Amino acid sequence: MNEYEIIVKPHISEKSTEAAAQGQYAFVVNNAATKIDIKNAVEKIFNVKVLSVNTMRYDGKKRTRNGGAGAIVGYTPKWKKAVVRIDTDPKTVEYTVDGQKKTKKYKSVIEDYGFTQ
């Protein structure tokens, strides 16, 4: 599973919008994704440092509609939500590759989340 299959879409709600100011972002993720997969995907896609990942599984809601032969009962799909806390004051990371000194700077916010702060 690649990073773009793990993160399905951002979960935008009033609560998640308020939490984004403190560096917590909510995403709808693949049901088979683990916390480590989610952390690596968010770090790679958005270039941020992830501090923690909390996940929740939701069952599908029951839906009923009337058909020609009576009531038809079905369910919406099951889904999984991940709340990711990022480092809002990241430090520059220095490392060496083949004797060359390199630095990596992480972002402090996710600009592509779906709204502006």
N, C-alpha and C. Protein backbone atom coordinates (compact mmCIF):
# COMPACT_ATOMS: atom_id res chain seq x y z
N MET A 1 0.85 -1.18 0.00
CA MET A 1 0.00 0.00 0.00
C MET A 1 0.89 1.25 0.00
N ASN A 2 0.68 2.13 -0.97
CA ASN A 2 1.48 3.35 -0.97
C ASN A 2 0.82 4.43 -0.12
N GLU A 3 1.49 5.57 0.01
CA GLU A 3 1.04 6.62 0.92
C GLU A 3 -0.32 7.19 0.51
N TYR A 4 -0.56 7.29 -0.79
CA TYR A 4 -1.81 7.87 -1.25
C TYR A 4 -2.98 6.90 -1.15
N GLU A 5 -2.73 5.62 -0.95
CA GLU A 5 -3.80 4.67 -0.67
C GLU A 5 -4.13 4.62 0.82
N ILE A 6 -3.19 5.02 1.66
CA ILE A 6 -3.41 5.01 3.11
C ILE A 6 -4.29 6.19 3.52
N ILE A 7 -3.92 7.40 3.10
CA ILE A 7 -4.68 8.61 3.43
C ILE A 7 -5.77 8.77 2.37
N VAL A 8 -7.04 8.59 2.75
CA VAL A 8 -8.14 8.69 1.80
C VAL A 8 -8.52 10.15 1.56
N LYS A 9 -8.78 10.89 2.65
CA LYS A 9 -9.15 12.30 2.54
C LYS A 9 -9.08 12.94 3.92
N PRO A 10 -9.01 14.26 4.00
CA PRO A 10 -9.07 14.91 5.31
C PRO A 10 -10.51 14.86 5.84
N HIS A 11 -10.62 14.76 7.15
CA HIS A 11 -11.94 14.74 7.80
C HIS A 11 -12.18 16.14 8.34
N ILE A 12 -13.00 16.92 7.63
CA ILE A 12 -13.24 18.31 7.98
C ILE A 12 -14.54 18.39 8.77
N SER A 13 -14.44 18.88 10.00
CA SER A 13 -15.61 19.14 10.83
C SER A 13 -15.28 20.35 11.71
N GLU A 14 -16.25 20.80 12.47
CA GLU A 14 -16.01 21.95 13.34
C GLU A 14 -14.96 21.62 14.39
N LYS A 15 -15.04 20.42 14.94
CA LYS A 15 -14.09 20.01 15.97
C LYS A 15 -12.67 19.86 15.40
N SER A 16 -12.56 19.27 14.21
CA SER A 16 -11.23 19.07 13.63
C SER A 16 -10.63 20.39 13.15
N THR A 17 -11.45 21.34 12.77
CA THR A 17 -10.96 22.65 12.37
C THR A 17 -10.37 23.39 13.56
N GLU A 18 -11.02 23.31 14.71
CA GLU A 18 -10.50 23.94 15.92
C GLU A 18 -9.22 23.25 16.39
N ALA A 19 -9.16 21.93 16.26
CA ALA A 19 -7.99 21.18 16.70
C ALA A 19 -6.78 21.43 15.80
N ALA A 20 -7.00 21.82 14.57
CA ALA A 20 -5.89 22.08 13.64
C ALA A 20 -5.04 23.25 14.10
N ALA A 21 -5.62 24.17 14.86
CA ALA A 21 -4.85 25.30 15.39
C ALA A 21 -3.81 24.83 16.40
N GLN A 22 -4.05 23.70 17.06
CA GLN A 22 -3.09 23.13 18.01
C GLN A 22 -2.19 22.07 17.37
N GLY A 23 -2.31 21.88 16.06
CA GLY A 23 -1.45 20.93 15.38
C GLY A 23 -2.01 19.52 15.29
N GLN A 24 -3.32 19.34 15.48
CA GLN A 24 -3.95 18.03 15.36
C GLN A 24 -4.83 18.02 14.11
N TYR A 25 -4.58 17.05 13.24
CA TYR A 25 -5.31 16.97 11.97
C TYR A 25 -5.98 15.61 11.89
N ALA A 26 -7.22 15.57 11.38
CA ALA A 26 -7.99 14.33 11.28
C ALA A 26 -8.07 13.92 9.81
N PHE A 27 -7.88 12.62 9.57
CA PHE A 27 -7.92 12.07 8.23
C PHE A 27 -8.78 10.81 8.22
N VAL A 28 -9.49 10.58 7.12
CA VAL A 28 -10.12 9.29 6.87
C VAL A 28 -9.04 8.45 6.21
N VAL A 29 -8.79 7.26 6.79
CA VAL A 29 -7.69 6.42 6.31
C VAL A 29 -8.22 5.05 5.91
N ASN A 30 -7.38 4.29 5.24
CA ASN A 30 -7.70 2.93 4.83
C ASN A 30 -7.92 2.07 6.08
N ASN A 31 -8.92 1.18 6.04
CA ASN A 31 -9.23 0.34 7.19
C ASN A 31 -8.08 -0.58 7.60
N ALA A 32 -7.24 -0.97 6.65
CA ALA A 32 -6.14 -1.89 6.94
C ALA A 32 -4.87 -1.17 7.38
N ALA A 33 -4.86 0.15 7.41
CA ALA A 33 -3.66 0.91 7.75
C ALA A 33 -3.39 0.87 9.25
N THR A 34 -2.11 0.72 9.62
CA THR A 34 -1.71 0.75 11.02
C THR A 34 -1.25 2.16 11.37
N LYS A 35 -1.01 2.40 12.67
CA LYS A 35 -0.56 3.72 13.10
C LYS A 35 0.79 4.07 12.49
N ILE A 36 1.66 3.09 12.37
CA ILE A 36 2.98 3.34 11.79
C ILE A 36 2.85 3.68 10.31
N ASP A 37 1.97 2.98 9.59
CA ASP A 37 1.73 3.30 8.18
C ASP A 37 1.20 4.72 8.03
N ILE A 38 0.27 5.11 8.89
CA ILE A 38 -0.33 6.44 8.83
C ILE A 38 0.71 7.50 9.11
N LYS A 39 1.54 7.28 10.12
CA LYS A 39 2.60 8.23 10.47
C LYS A 39 3.56 8.44 9.30
N ASN A 40 4.03 7.34 8.70
CA ASN A 40 4.97 7.44 7.58
C ASN A 40 4.34 8.12 6.38
N ALA A 41 3.05 7.84 6.12
CA ALA A 41 2.37 8.45 4.97
C ALA A 41 2.20 9.95 5.16
N VAL A 42 1.79 10.39 6.34
CA VAL A 42 1.60 11.82 6.59
C VAL A 42 2.94 12.55 6.52
N GLU A 43 4.00 11.95 7.09
CA GLU A 43 5.31 12.60 7.05
C GLU A 43 5.82 12.74 5.62
N LYS A 44 5.58 11.73 4.79
CA LYS A 44 6.07 11.78 3.42
C LYS A 44 5.24 12.71 2.54
N ILE A 45 3.92 12.66 2.65
CA ILE A 45 3.06 13.46 1.78
C ILE A 45 3.14 14.95 2.13
N PHE A 46 3.06 15.29 3.43
CA PHE A 46 2.95 16.69 3.83
C PHE A 46 4.26 17.29 4.35
N ASN A 47 5.34 16.50 4.46
CA ASN A 47 6.65 16.96 4.92
C ASN A 47 6.56 17.61 6.30
N VAL A 48 5.92 16.91 7.25
CA VAL A 48 5.81 17.37 8.63
C VAL A 48 6.34 16.29 9.55
N LYS A 49 6.64 16.65 10.80
CA LYS A 49 7.09 15.69 11.81
C LYS A 49 5.89 15.28 12.65
N VAL A 50 5.53 13.99 12.62
CA VAL A 50 4.37 13.48 13.35
C VAL A 50 4.81 13.06 14.75
N LEU A 51 4.10 13.55 15.77
CA LEU A 51 4.39 13.19 17.15
C LEU A 51 3.57 12.01 17.63
N SER A 52 2.29 11.96 17.26
CA SER A 52 1.44 10.84 17.70
C SER A 52 0.30 10.62 16.71
N VAL A 53 -0.24 9.39 16.74
CA VAL A 53 -1.36 9.02 15.88
C VAL A 53 -2.38 8.28 16.75
N ASN A 54 -3.62 8.74 16.72
CA ASN A 54 -4.73 8.05 17.38
C ASN A 54 -5.73 7.63 16.31
N THR A 55 -6.21 6.39 16.39
CA THR A 55 -7.14 5.88 15.38
C THR A 55 -8.45 5.47 16.00
N MET A 56 -9.52 5.57 15.20
CA MET A 56 -10.86 5.16 15.61
C MET A 56 -11.52 4.44 14.46
N ARG A 57 -12.21 3.35 14.74
CA ARG A 57 -12.97 2.63 13.72
C ARG A 57 -14.44 2.93 13.90
N TYR A 58 -15.13 3.17 12.79
CA TYR A 58 -16.55 3.46 12.81
C TYR A 58 -17.29 2.39 12.01
N ASP A 59 -18.38 1.88 12.58
CA ASP A 59 -19.23 0.95 11.85
C ASP A 59 -20.16 1.74 10.93
N GLY A 60 -20.65 1.08 9.90
CA GLY A 60 -21.58 1.72 8.99
C GLY A 60 -22.94 1.95 9.65
N LYS A 61 -23.60 3.02 9.26
CA LYS A 61 -24.93 3.31 9.79
C LYS A 61 -25.98 2.52 9.01
N LYS A 62 -27.05 2.18 9.70
CA LYS A 62 -28.14 1.44 9.06
C LYS A 62 -28.99 2.41 8.24
N ARG A 63 -29.27 2.04 7.01
CA ARG A 63 -30.10 2.85 6.13
C ARG A 63 -31.23 1.98 5.58
N THR A 64 -32.43 2.54 5.57
CA THR A 64 -33.60 1.82 5.07
C THR A 64 -34.25 2.66 3.97
N ARG A 65 -34.63 1.98 2.91
CA ARG A 65 -35.37 2.66 1.84
C ARG A 65 -36.50 1.73 1.40
N ASN A 66 -37.55 2.32 0.89
CA ASN A 66 -38.68 1.54 0.44
C ASN A 66 -38.51 1.16 -1.02
N GLY A 67 -38.60 -0.12 -1.29
CA GLY A 67 -38.51 -0.62 -2.66
C GLY A 67 -39.87 -1.15 -3.09
N GLY A 68 -39.92 -1.71 -4.25
CA GLY A 68 -41.18 -2.23 -4.77
C GLY A 68 -41.68 -3.43 -3.99
N ALA A 69 -40.78 -4.20 -3.39
CA ALA A 69 -41.17 -5.40 -2.64
C ALA A 69 -41.11 -5.18 -1.15
N GLY A 70 -41.09 -3.94 -0.69
CA GLY A 70 -41.04 -3.67 0.74
C GLY A 70 -39.78 -2.92 1.10
N ALA A 71 -39.51 -2.85 2.40
CA ALA A 71 -38.36 -2.10 2.90
C ALA A 71 -37.07 -2.85 2.59
N ILE A 72 -36.08 -2.11 2.11
CA ILE A 72 -34.75 -2.66 1.84
C ILE A 72 -33.80 -2.07 2.86
N VAL A 73 -33.12 -2.92 3.61
CA VAL A 73 -32.21 -2.48 4.66
C VAL A 73 -30.78 -2.66 4.19
N GLY A 74 -29.97 -1.65 4.39
CA GLY A 74 -28.57 -1.72 4.04
C GLY A 74 -27.74 -0.92 5.04
N TYR A 75 -26.45 -0.91 4.85
CA TYR A 75 -25.54 -0.20 5.73
C TYR A 75 -24.57 0.64 4.91
N THR A 76 -24.18 1.79 5.46
CA THR A 76 -23.12 2.58 4.85
C THR A 76 -21.79 1.87 5.13
N PRO A 77 -20.73 2.17 4.40
CA PRO A 77 -19.47 1.46 4.60
C PRO A 77 -18.83 1.75 5.96
N LYS A 78 -18.07 0.79 6.47
CA LYS A 78 -17.25 1.00 7.66
C LYS A 78 -16.09 1.90 7.25
N TRP A 79 -15.59 2.71 8.20
CA TRP A 79 -14.47 3.58 7.90
C TRP A 79 -13.61 3.78 9.13
N LYS A 80 -12.43 4.31 8.91
CA LYS A 80 -11.46 4.50 9.98
C LYS A 80 -10.95 5.94 9.95
N LYS A 81 -10.87 6.56 11.13
CA LYS A 81 -10.39 7.94 11.24
C LYS A 81 -9.10 7.96 12.05
N ALA A 82 -8.17 8.79 11.63
CA ALA A 82 -6.91 8.95 12.36
C ALA A 82 -6.73 10.42 12.70
N VAL A 83 -6.41 10.69 13.97
CA VAL A 83 -6.08 12.04 14.42
C VAL A 83 -4.57 12.08 14.60
N VAL A 84 -3.93 12.93 13.82
CA VAL A 84 -2.47 13.00 13.78
C VAL A 84 -2.03 14.31 14.42
N ARG A 85 -1.13 14.21 15.40
CA ARG A 85 -0.59 15.41 16.05
C ARG A 85 0.80 15.66 15.49
N ILE A 86 1.02 16.87 14.94
CA ILE A 86 2.31 17.19 14.34
C ILE A 86 3.07 18.16 15.25
N ASP A 87 4.37 18.23 15.01
CA ASP A 87 5.24 19.14 15.75
C ASP A 87 5.07 20.55 15.17
N THR A 88 4.56 21.49 16.00
CA THR A 88 4.32 22.85 15.52
C THR A 88 5.57 23.72 15.59
N ASP A 89 6.62 23.24 16.25
CA ASP A 89 7.89 23.96 16.31
C ASP A 89 9.02 22.99 15.98
N PRO A 90 9.12 22.57 14.69
CA PRO A 90 10.11 21.55 14.34
C PRO A 90 11.53 22.10 14.31
N LYS A 91 12.47 21.25 14.67
CA LYS A 91 13.89 21.60 14.61
C LYS A 91 14.46 21.08 13.30
N THR A 92 15.52 21.70 12.82
CA THR A 92 16.20 21.25 11.61
C THR A 92 17.00 20.00 11.95
N VAL A 93 16.86 18.97 11.12
CA VAL A 93 17.55 17.71 11.33
C VAL A 93 18.77 17.68 10.41
N GLU A 94 19.93 17.39 11.00
CA GLU A 94 21.16 17.29 10.22
C GLU A 94 21.60 15.84 10.19
N TYR A 95 22.04 15.38 9.01
CA TYR A 95 22.52 14.01 8.85
C TYR A 95 23.54 13.97 7.73
N THR A 96 24.29 12.89 7.66
CA THR A 96 25.31 12.77 6.62
C THR A 96 24.99 11.58 5.73
N VAL A 97 25.20 11.77 4.42
CA VAL A 97 25.03 10.73 3.43
C VAL A 97 26.29 10.70 2.58
N ASP A 98 26.99 9.59 2.61
CA ASP A 98 28.23 9.42 1.84
C ASP A 98 29.24 10.53 2.13
N GLY A 99 29.33 10.92 3.40
CA GLY A 99 30.29 11.94 3.80
C GLY A 99 29.82 13.36 3.57
N GLN A 100 28.65 13.56 2.98
CA GLN A 100 28.13 14.91 2.76
C GLN A 100 27.11 15.24 3.84
N LYS A 101 27.24 16.44 4.38
CA LYS A 101 26.33 16.87 5.44
C LYS A 101 25.07 17.46 4.81
N LYS A 102 23.91 16.95 5.22
CA LYS A 102 22.64 17.43 4.68
C LYS A 102 21.73 17.82 5.83
N THR A 103 20.77 18.71 5.54
CA THR A 103 19.79 19.13 6.53
C THR A 103 18.39 18.93 5.97
N LYS A 104 17.45 18.72 6.88
CA LYS A 104 16.05 18.56 6.49
C LYS A 104 15.22 19.44 7.40
N LYS A 105 14.38 20.28 6.81
CA LYS A 105 13.50 21.17 7.56
C LYS A 105 12.06 20.72 7.38
N TYR A 106 11.37 20.46 8.49
CA TYR A 106 9.97 20.07 8.45
C TYR A 106 9.08 21.30 8.48
N LYS A 107 7.87 21.18 7.95
CA LYS A 107 6.88 22.25 8.00
C LYS A 107 6.20 22.24 9.37
N SER A 108 5.61 23.37 9.76
CA SER A 108 4.93 23.45 11.05
C SER A 108 3.41 23.35 10.91
N VAL A 109 2.88 23.44 9.70
CA VAL A 109 1.45 23.29 9.45
C VAL A 109 1.26 22.52 8.15
N ILE A 110 0.05 21.98 7.98
CA ILE A 110 -0.31 21.30 6.74
C ILE A 110 -1.16 22.28 5.93
N GLU A 111 -0.59 22.83 4.85
CA GLU A 111 -1.31 23.81 4.04
C GLU A 111 -2.38 23.17 3.18
N ASP A 112 -2.17 21.93 2.74
CA ASP A 112 -3.08 21.26 1.80
C ASP A 112 -4.21 20.53 2.51
N TYR A 113 -4.57 20.96 3.71
CA TYR A 113 -5.55 20.22 4.51
C TYR A 113 -6.98 20.43 4.05
N GLY A 114 -7.30 21.53 3.45
CA GLY A 114 -8.67 21.75 2.96
C GLY A 114 -9.27 23.05 3.42
N PHE A 115 -8.57 23.78 4.28
CA PHE A 115 -9.03 25.09 4.71
C PHE A 115 -7.80 25.91 5.08
N THR A 116 -8.00 27.22 5.24
CA THR A 116 -6.88 28.08 5.62
C THR A 116 -7.05 28.46 7.08
N GLN A 117 -5.92 28.57 7.76
CA GLN A 117 -5.97 28.90 9.19
C GLN A 117 -5.77 30.37 9.41
